[in-house]
Amino acid sequence: MASVEFRQGSAGRVSAHPHHPVAYVESGRFEVELEGKIEELSAGDSLIVGPDIQHGVRAFADGCLIDAFTPPRKDFLKGSNK
């Protein structure tokens, strides 16, 4: 799991990876792009993304996303070289 804080106007680039992410909006308001479709999420909302699906976010306001990945994102772990 990862807690990711965003400032208003910042973005998480559109990307795809083999992990199956689940995101929970702890605070703030976000524009979410999922395979070219745009949705708006706010505090209390969640999003499930399949593996290898293009996705990204942009913060409409300061906020925080809690992301969980399966399998684990080893590149997010301290000391990982992957």
PDB file of N, CA and C in Angstrom:
ATOM      1  N   MET A   1       0.848  -1.182   0.000  1.00  0.00           N
ATOM      2  CA  MET A   1       0.000   0.000   0.000  1.00  0.00           C
ATOM      3  C   MET A   1       0.884   1.232   0.000  1.00  0.00           C
ATOM      4  N   ALA A   2       0.312   2.301  -0.537  1.00  0.00           N
ATOM      5  CA  ALA A   2       1.044   3.562  -0.572  1.00  0.00           C
ATOM      6  C   ALA A   2       0.067   4.711  -0.352  1.00  0.00           C
ATOM      7  N   SER A   3       0.500   5.693   0.421  1.00  0.00           N
ATOM      8  CA  SER A   3      -0.262   6.924   0.610  1.00  0.00           C
ATOM      9  C   SER A   3       0.415   7.977  -0.254  1.00  0.00           C
ATOM     10  N   VAL A   4      -0.340   8.553  -1.204  1.00  0.00           N
ATOM     11  CA  VAL A   4       0.244   9.503  -2.150  1.00  0.00           C
ATOM     12  C   VAL A   4      -0.482  10.839  -2.011  1.00  0.00           C
ATOM     13  N   GLU A   5       0.269  11.876  -1.626  1.00  0.00           N
ATOM     14  CA  GLU A   5      -0.326  13.197  -1.463  1.00  0.00           C
ATOM     15  C   GLU A   5      -0.119  14.008  -2.728  1.00  0.00           C
ATOM     16  N   PHE A   6      -1.169  14.749  -3.116  1.00  0.00           N
ATOM     17  CA  PHE A   6      -1.160  15.584  -4.309  1.00  0.00           C
ATOM     18  C   PHE A   6      -1.480  17.018  -3.938  1.00  0.00           C
ATOM     19  N   ARG A   7      -0.821  17.950  -4.576  1.00  0.00           N
ATOM     20  CA  ARG A   7      -1.159  19.366  -4.476  1.00  0.00           C
ATOM     21  C   ARG A   7      -2.099  19.690  -5.632  1.00  0.00           C
ATOM     22  N   GLN A   8      -2.952  20.674  -5.432  1.00  0.00           N
ATOM     23  CA  GLN A   8      -3.875  21.090  -6.478  1.00  0.00           C
ATOM     24  C   GLN A   8      -3.118  21.314  -7.782  1.00  0.00           C
ATOM     25  N   GLY A   9      -3.616  20.735  -8.867  1.00  0.00           N
ATOM     26  CA  GLY A   9      -3.006  20.883 -10.183  1.00  0.00           C
ATOM     27  C   GLY A   9      -1.960  19.838 -10.525  1.00  0.00           C
ATOM     28  N   SER A  10      -1.478  19.087  -9.530  1.00  0.00           N
ATOM     29  CA  SER A  10      -0.468  18.070  -9.822  1.00  0.00           C
ATOM     30  C   SER A  10      -1.134  16.823 -10.423  1.00  0.00           C
ATOM     31  N   ALA A  11      -0.313  15.982 -11.036  1.00  0.00           N
ATOM     32  CA  ALA A  11      -0.861  14.821 -11.742  1.00  0.00           C
ATOM     33  C   ALA A  11       0.001  13.593 -11.544  1.00  0.00           C
ATOM     34  N   GLY A  12      -0.656  12.450 -11.623  1.00  0.00           N
ATOM     35  CA  GLY A  12       0.017  11.158 -11.711  1.00  0.00           C
ATOM     36  C   GLY A  12      -0.065  10.759 -13.176  1.00  0.00           C
ATOM     37  N   ARG A  13       1.053  10.653 -13.834  1.00  0.00           N
ATOM     38  CA  ARG A  13       1.059  10.437 -15.288  1.00  0.00           C
ATOM     39  C   ARG A  13       0.288   9.187 -15.687  1.00  0.00           C
ATOM     40  N   VAL A  14      -0.249   9.226 -16.885  1.00  0.00           N
ATOM     41  CA  VAL A  14      -0.965   8.067 -17.418  1.00  0.00           C
ATOM     42  C   VAL A  14       0.051   6.954 -17.647  1.00  0.00           C
ATOM     43  N   SER A  15      -0.251   5.786 -17.096  1.00  0.00           N
ATOM     44  CA  SER A  15       0.651   4.649 -17.220  1.00  0.00           C
ATOM     45  C   SER A  15      -0.148   3.358 -17.106  1.00  0.00           C
ATOM     46  N   ALA A  16       0.512   2.274 -17.379  1.00  0.00           N
ATOM     47  CA  ALA A  16      -0.059   0.934 -17.212  1.00  0.00           C
ATOM     48  C   ALA A  16       1.041   0.048 -16.645  1.00  0.00           C
ATOM     49  N   HIS A  17       0.667  -0.928 -15.849  1.00  0.00           N
ATOM     50  CA  HIS A  17       1.628  -1.861 -15.267  1.00  0.00           C
ATOM     51  C   HIS A  17       0.905  -3.164 -14.964  1.00  0.00           C
ATOM     52  N   PRO A  18       1.646  -4.234 -14.695  1.00  0.00           N
ATOM     53  CA  PRO A  18       1.017  -5.548 -14.502  1.00  0.00           C
ATOM     54  C   PRO A  18       0.298  -5.717 -13.168  1.00  0.00           C
ATOM     55  N   HIS A  19       0.344  -4.694 -12.322  1.00  0.00           N
ATOM     56  CA  HIS A  19      -0.301  -4.777 -11.016  1.00  0.00           C
ATOM     57  C   HIS A  19      -1.783  -4.471 -11.120  1.00  0.00           C
ATOM     58  N   HIS A  20      -2.537  -4.911 -10.135  1.00  0.00           N
ATOM     59  CA  HIS A  20      -3.973  -4.675 -10.047  1.00  0.00           C
ATOM     60  C   HIS A  20      -4.175  -3.648  -8.930  1.00  0.00           C
ATOM     61  N   PRO A  21      -4.208  -2.328  -9.267  1.00  0.00           N
ATOM     62  CA  PRO A  21      -4.317  -1.315  -8.225  1.00  0.00           C
ATOM     63  C   PRO A  21      -5.754  -1.031  -7.807  1.00  0.00           C
ATOM     64  N   VAL A  22      -5.914  -0.722  -6.532  1.00  0.00           N
ATOM     65  CA  VAL A  22      -7.160  -0.224  -5.965  1.00  0.00           C
ATOM     66  C   VAL A  22      -6.797   1.089  -5.290  1.00  0.00           C
ATOM     67  N   ALA A  23      -7.542   2.147  -5.605  1.00  0.00           N
ATOM     68  CA  ALA A  23      -7.268   3.461  -5.020  1.00  0.00           C
ATOM     69  C   ALA A  23      -8.472   3.915  -4.203  1.00  0.00           C
ATOM     70  N   TYR A  24      -8.195   4.478  -3.035  1.00  0.00           N
ATOM     71  CA  TYR A  24      -9.211   5.059  -2.175  1.00  0.00           C
ATOM     72  C   TYR A  24      -8.881   6.543  -2.015  1.00  0.00           C
ATOM     73  N   VAL A  25      -9.854   7.420  -2.248  1.00  0.00           N
ATOM     74  CA  VAL A  25      -9.641   8.853  -2.113  1.00  0.00           C
ATOM     75  C   VAL A  25      -9.856   9.224  -0.642  1.00  0.00           C
ATOM     76  N   GLU A  26      -8.759   9.415   0.048  1.00  0.00           N
ATOM     77  CA  GLU A  26      -8.835   9.787   1.475  1.00  0.00           C
ATOM     78  C   GLU A  26      -9.310  11.229   1.627  1.00  0.00           C
ATOM     79  N   SER A  27      -8.804  12.104   0.741  1.00  0.00           N
ATOM     80  CA  SER A  27      -9.205  13.515   0.777  1.00  0.00           C
ATOM     81  C   SER A  27      -8.978  14.123  -0.600  1.00  0.00           C
ATOM     82  N   GLY A  28      -9.635  15.238  -0.854  1.00  0.00           N
ATOM     83  CA  GLY A  28      -9.450  15.953  -2.111  1.00  0.00           C
ATOM     84  C   GLY A  28     -10.457  15.564  -3.179  1.00  0.00           C
ATOM     85  N   ARG A  29     -10.156  16.037  -4.383  1.00  0.00           N
ATOM     86  CA  ARG A  29     -11.007  15.787  -5.547  1.00  0.00           C
ATOM     87  C   ARG A  29     -10.087  15.567  -6.736  1.00  0.00           C
ATOM     88  N   PHE A  30     -10.347  14.520  -7.519  1.00  0.00           N
ATOM     89  CA  PHE A  30      -9.451  14.115  -8.595  1.00  0.00           C
ATOM     90  C   PHE A  30     -10.195  13.857  -9.898  1.00  0.00           C
ATOM     91  N   GLU A  31      -9.524  14.180 -11.004  1.00  0.00           N
ATOM     92  CA  GLU A  31      -9.960  13.733 -12.316  1.00  0.00           C
ATOM     93  C   GLU A  31      -9.171  12.459 -12.585  1.00  0.00           C
ATOM     94  N   VAL A  32      -9.873  11.393 -12.922  1.00  0.00           N
ATOM     95  CA  VAL A  32      -9.232  10.107 -13.173  1.00  0.00           C
ATOM     96  C   VAL A  32      -9.440   9.740 -14.636  1.00  0.00           C
ATOM     97  N   GLU A  33      -8.342   9.409 -15.305  1.00  0.00           N
ATOM     98  CA  GLU A  33      -8.428   8.923 -16.677  1.00  0.00           C
ATOM     99  C   GLU A  33      -8.211   7.417 -16.650  1.00  0.00           C
ATOM    100  N   LEU A  34      -9.161   6.682 -17.209  1.00  0.00           N
ATOM    101  CA  LEU A  34      -9.100   5.228 -17.234  1.00  0.00           C
ATOM    102  C   LEU A  34      -9.386   4.786 -18.666  1.00  0.00           C
ATOM    103  N   GLU A  35      -8.310   4.371 -19.361  1.00  0.00           N
ATOM    104  CA  GLU A  35      -8.394   3.979 -20.772  1.00  0.00           C
ATOM    105  C   GLU A  35      -9.084   5.054 -21.613  1.00  0.00           C
ATOM    106  N   GLY A  36      -8.689   6.322 -21.391  1.00  0.00           N
ATOM    107  CA  GLY A  36      -9.195   7.429 -22.183  1.00  0.00           C
ATOM    108  C   GLY A  36     -10.522   8.006 -21.703  1.00  0.00           C
ATOM    109  N   LYS A  37     -11.195   7.362 -20.766  1.00  0.00           N
ATOM    110  CA  LYS A  37     -12.447   7.885 -20.211  1.00  0.00           C
ATOM    111  C   LYS A  37     -12.130   8.665 -18.943  1.00  0.00           C
ATOM    112  N   ILE A  38     -12.838   9.792 -18.763  1.00  0.00           N
ATOM    113  CA  ILE A  38     -12.586  10.672 -17.624  1.00  0.00           C
ATOM    114  C   ILE A  38     -13.725  10.557 -16.615  1.00  0.00           C
ATOM    115  N   GLU A  39     -13.358  10.445 -15.330  1.00  0.00           N
ATOM    116  CA  GLU A  39     -14.315  10.442 -14.217  1.00  0.00           C
ATOM    117  C   GLU A  39     -13.798  11.391 -13.153  1.00  0.00           C
ATOM    118  N   GLU A  40     -14.685  11.834 -12.281  1.00  0.00           N
ATOM    119  CA  GLU A  40     -14.279  12.654 -11.152  1.00  0.00           C
ATOM    120  C   GLU A  40     -14.536  11.871  -9.868  1.00  0.00           C
ATOM    121  N   LEU A  41     -13.536  11.847  -9.005  1.00  0.00           N
ATOM    122  CA  LEU A  41     -13.651  11.168  -7.713  1.00  0.00           C
ATOM    123  C   LEU A  41     -13.363  12.161  -6.602  1.00  0.00           C
ATOM    124  N   SER A  42     -14.019  11.967  -5.455  1.00  0.00           N
ATOM    125  CA  SER A  42     -13.775  12.826  -4.298  1.00  0.00           C
ATOM    126  C   SER A  42     -13.682  11.960  -3.046  1.00  0.00           C
ATOM    127  N   ALA A  43     -13.405  12.600  -1.922  1.00  0.00           N
ATOM    128  CA  ALA A  43     -13.181  11.887  -0.661  1.00  0.00           C
ATOM    129  C   ALA A  43     -14.253  10.828  -0.425  1.00  0.00           C
ATOM    130  N   GLY A  44     -13.790   9.613  -0.110  1.00  0.00           N
ATOM    131  CA  GLY A  44     -14.671   8.483   0.155  1.00  0.00           C
ATOM    132  C   GLY A  44     -14.893   7.580  -1.047  1.00  0.00           C
ATOM    133  N   ASP A  45     -14.549   8.054  -2.252  1.00  0.00           N
ATOM    134  CA  ASP A  45     -14.700   7.238  -3.460  1.00  0.00           C
ATOM    135  C   ASP A  45     -13.521   6.291  -3.609  1.00  0.00           C
ATOM    136  N   SER A  46     -13.717   5.242  -4.407  1.00  0.00           N
ATOM    137  CA  SER A  46     -12.628   4.311  -4.696  1.00  0.00           C
ATOM    138  C   SER A  46     -12.679   3.914  -6.158  1.00  0.00           C
ATOM    139  N   LEU A  47     -11.591   3.325  -6.611  1.00  0.00           N
ATOM    140  CA  LEU A  47     -11.437   2.939  -8.013  1.00  0.00           C
ATOM    141  C   LEU A  47     -10.634   1.652  -8.069  1.00  0.00           C
ATOM    142  N   ILE A  48     -11.105   0.714  -8.857  1.00  0.00           N
ATOM    143  CA  ILE A  48     -10.376  -0.533  -9.095  1.00  0.00           C
ATOM    144  C   ILE A  48      -9.917  -0.521 -10.546  1.00  0.00           C
ATOM    145  N   VAL A  49      -8.643  -0.782 -10.763  1.00  0.00           N
ATOM    146  CA  VAL A  49      -8.065  -0.775 -12.103  1.00  0.00           C
ATOM    147  C   VAL A  49      -7.478  -2.149 -12.382  1.00  0.00           C
ATOM    148  N   GLY A  50      -7.813  -2.708 -13.520  1.00  0.00           N
ATOM    149  CA  GLY A  50      -7.248  -3.999 -13.899  1.00  0.00           C
ATOM    150  C   GLY A  50      -5.787  -3.872 -14.302  1.00  0.00           C
ATOM    151  N   PRO A  51      -5.074  -4.986 -14.317  1.00  0.00           N
ATOM    152  CA  PRO A  51      -3.675  -4.957 -14.733  1.00  0.00           C
ATOM    153  C   PRO A  51      -3.552  -4.526 -16.193  1.00  0.00           C
ATOM    154  N   ASP A  52      -2.491  -3.792 -16.482  1.00  0.00           N
ATOM    155  CA  ASP A  52      -2.155  -3.326 -17.826  1.00  0.00           C
ATOM    156  C   ASP A  52      -3.185  -2.375 -18.431  1.00  0.00           C
ATOM    157  N   ILE A  53      -3.997  -1.715 -17.592  1.00  0.00           N
ATOM    158  CA  ILE A  53      -4.971  -0.722 -18.036  1.00  0.00           C
ATOM    159  C   ILE A  53      -4.348   0.669 -17.892  1.00  0.00           C
ATOM    160  N   GLN A  54      -4.407   1.477 -18.953  1.00  0.00           N
ATOM    161  CA  GLN A  54      -3.891   2.851 -18.908  1.00  0.00           C
ATOM    162  C   GLN A  54      -4.724   3.663 -17.913  1.00  0.00           C
ATOM    163  N   HIS A  55      -4.063   4.344 -16.975  1.00  0.00           N
ATOM    164  CA  HIS A  55      -4.749   5.150 -15.982  1.00  0.00           C
ATOM    165  C   HIS A  55      -3.847   6.270 -15.474  1.00  0.00           C
ATOM    166  N   GLY A  56      -4.472   7.348 -15.002  1.00  0.00           N
ATOM    167  CA  GLY A  56      -3.744   8.480 -14.452  1.00  0.00           C
ATOM    168  C   GLY A  56      -4.702   9.376 -13.690  1.00  0.00           C
ATOM    169  N   VAL A  57      -4.177  10.318 -12.914  1.00  0.00           N
ATOM    170  CA  VAL A  57      -5.017  11.227 -12.128  1.00  0.00           C
ATOM    171  C   VAL A  57      -4.483  12.651 -12.213  1.00  0.00           C
ATOM    172  N   ARG A  58      -5.388  13.597 -11.954  1.00  0.00           N
ATOM    173  CA  ARG A  58      -5.024  15.006 -11.815  1.00  0.00           C
ATOM    174  C   ARG A  58      -5.811  15.549 -10.636  1.00  0.00           C
ATOM    175  N   ALA A  59      -5.141  16.276  -9.761  1.00  0.00           N
ATOM    176  CA  ALA A  59      -5.771  16.790  -8.540  1.00  0.00           C
ATOM    177  C   ALA A  59      -6.457  18.127  -8.807  1.00  0.00           C
ATOM    178  N   PHE A  60      -7.764  18.188  -8.553  1.00  0.00           N
ATOM    179  CA  PHE A  60      -8.507  19.444  -8.612  1.00  0.00           C
ATOM    180  C   PHE A  60      -8.288  20.256  -7.342  1.00  0.00           C
ATOM    181  N   ALA A  61      -7.887  19.589  -6.265  1.00  0.00           N
ATOM    182  CA  ALA A  61      -7.632  20.219  -4.966  1.00  0.00           C
ATOM    183  C   ALA A  61      -6.560  19.397  -4.259  1.00  0.00           C
ATOM    184  N   ASP A  62      -5.931  19.956  -3.240  1.00  0.00           N
ATOM    185  CA  ASP A  62      -4.991  19.171  -2.437  1.00  0.00           C
ATOM    186  C   ASP A  62      -5.721  17.919  -1.962  1.00  0.00           C
ATOM    187  N   GLY A  63      -5.024  16.780  -1.981  1.00  0.00           N
ATOM    188  CA  GLY A  63      -5.683  15.554  -1.548  1.00  0.00           C
ATOM    189  C   GLY A  63      -4.717  14.409  -1.389  1.00  0.00           C
ATOM    190  N   CYS A  64      -5.270  13.265  -1.001  1.00  0.00           N
ATOM    191  CA  CYS A  64      -4.465  12.081  -0.749  1.00  0.00           C
ATOM    192  C   CYS A  64      -5.175  10.838  -1.277  1.00  0.00           C
ATOM    193  N   LEU A  65      -4.437  10.021  -2.003  1.00  0.00           N
ATOM    194  CA  LEU A  65      -4.918   8.718  -2.464  1.00  0.00           C
ATOM    195  C   LEU A  65      -4.206   7.626  -1.684  1.00  0.00           C
ATOM    196  N   ILE A  66      -4.946   6.619  -1.283  1.00  0.00           N
ATOM    197  CA  ILE A  66      -4.363   5.417  -0.686  1.00  0.00           C
ATOM    198  C   ILE A  66      -4.444   4.345  -1.766  1.00  0.00           C
ATOM    199  N   ASP A  67      -3.296   3.877  -2.221  1.00  0.00           N
ATOM    200  CA  ASP A  67      -3.227   2.873  -3.287  1.00  0.00           C
ATOM    201  C   ASP A  67      -2.762   1.541  -2.717  1.00  0.00           C
ATOM    202  N   ALA A  68      -3.435   0.483  -3.133  1.00  0.00           N
ATOM    203  CA  ALA A  68      -3.020  -0.882  -2.778  1.00  0.00           C
ATOM    204  C   ALA A  68      -2.798  -1.635  -4.084  1.00  0.00           C
ATOM    205  N   PHE A  69      -1.755  -2.450  -4.136  1.00  0.00           N
ATOM    206  CA  PHE A  69      -1.388  -3.164  -5.357  1.00  0.00           C
ATOM    207  C   PHE A  69      -1.246  -4.650  -5.097  1.00  0.00           C
ATOM    208  N   THR A  70      -1.715  -5.442  -6.048  1.00  0.00           N
ATOM    209  CA  THR A  70      -1.443  -6.869  -6.033  1.00  0.00           C
ATOM    210  C   THR A  70      -1.027  -7.269  -7.447  1.00  0.00           C
ATOM    211  N   PRO A  71       0.065  -7.969  -7.636  1.00  0.00           N
ATOM    212  CA  PRO A  71       1.077  -8.261  -6.614  1.00  0.00           C
ATOM    213  C   PRO A  71       1.708  -6.957  -6.107  1.00  0.00           C
ATOM    214  N   PRO A  72       2.435  -7.035  -4.999  1.00  0.00           N
ATOM    215  CA  PRO A  72       3.040  -5.828  -4.431  1.00  0.00           C
ATOM    216  C   PRO A  72       3.938  -5.103  -5.437  1.00  0.00           C
ATOM    217  N   ARG A  73       3.972  -3.774  -5.339  1.00  0.00           N
ATOM    218  CA  ARG A  73       4.870  -2.949  -6.163  1.00  0.00           C
ATOM    219  C   ARG A  73       6.232  -2.933  -5.487  1.00  0.00           C
ATOM    220  N   LYS A  74       7.092  -3.845  -5.865  1.00  0.00           N
ATOM    221  CA  LYS A  74       8.414  -3.925  -5.240  1.00  0.00           C
ATOM    222  C   LYS A  74       9.221  -2.667  -5.471  1.00  0.00           C
ATOM    223  N   ASP A  75       8.926  -1.946  -6.589  1.00  0.00           N
ATOM    224  CA  ASP A  75       9.646  -0.702  -6.855  1.00  0.00           C
ATOM    225  C   ASP A  75       9.283   0.408  -5.846  1.00  0.00           C
ATOM    226  N   PHE A  76       8.204   0.226  -5.077  1.00  0.00           N
ATOM    227  CA  PHE A  76       7.818   1.187  -4.050  1.00  0.00           C
ATOM    228  C   PHE A  76       8.455   0.875  -2.702  1.00  0.00           C
ATOM    229  N   LEU A  77       9.037  -0.302  -2.547  1.00  0.00           N
ATOM    230  CA  LEU A  77       9.584  -0.719  -1.270  1.00  0.00           C
ATOM    231  C   LEU A  77      10.992  -0.167  -1.062  1.00  0.00           C
ATOM    232  N   LYS A  78      11.287   0.245   0.154  1.00  0.00           N
ATOM    233  CA  LYS A  78      12.630   0.757   0.468  1.00  0.00           C
ATOM    234  C   LYS A  78      13.673  -0.314   0.203  1.00  0.00           C
ATOM    235  N   GLY A  79      14.782   0.120  -0.389  1.00  0.00           N
ATOM    236  CA  GLY A  79      15.882  -0.797  -0.640  1.00  0.00           C
ATOM    237  C   GLY A  79      15.704  -1.693  -1.844  1.00  0.00           C
ATOM    238  N   SER A  80      14.612  -1.530  -2.566  1.00  0.00           N
ATOM    239  CA  SER A  80      14.377  -2.378  -3.742  1.00  0.00           C
ATOM    240  C   SER A  80      15.169  -1.839  -4.930  1.00  0.00           C
ATOM    241  N   ASN A  81      15.729  -2.753  -5.697  1.00  0.00           N
ATOM    242  CA  ASN A  81      16.446  -2.384  -6.917  1.00  0.00           C
ATOM    243  C   ASN A  81      15.586  -2.608  -8.147  1.00  0.00           C
ATOM    244  N   LYS A  82      14.338  -3.030  -7.988  1.00  0.00           N
ATOM    245  CA  LYS A  82      13.486  -3.370  -9.131  1.00  0.00           C
ATOM    246  C   LYS A  82      12.525  -2.273  -9.457  1.00  0.00           C
TER     247      LYS A  82
END
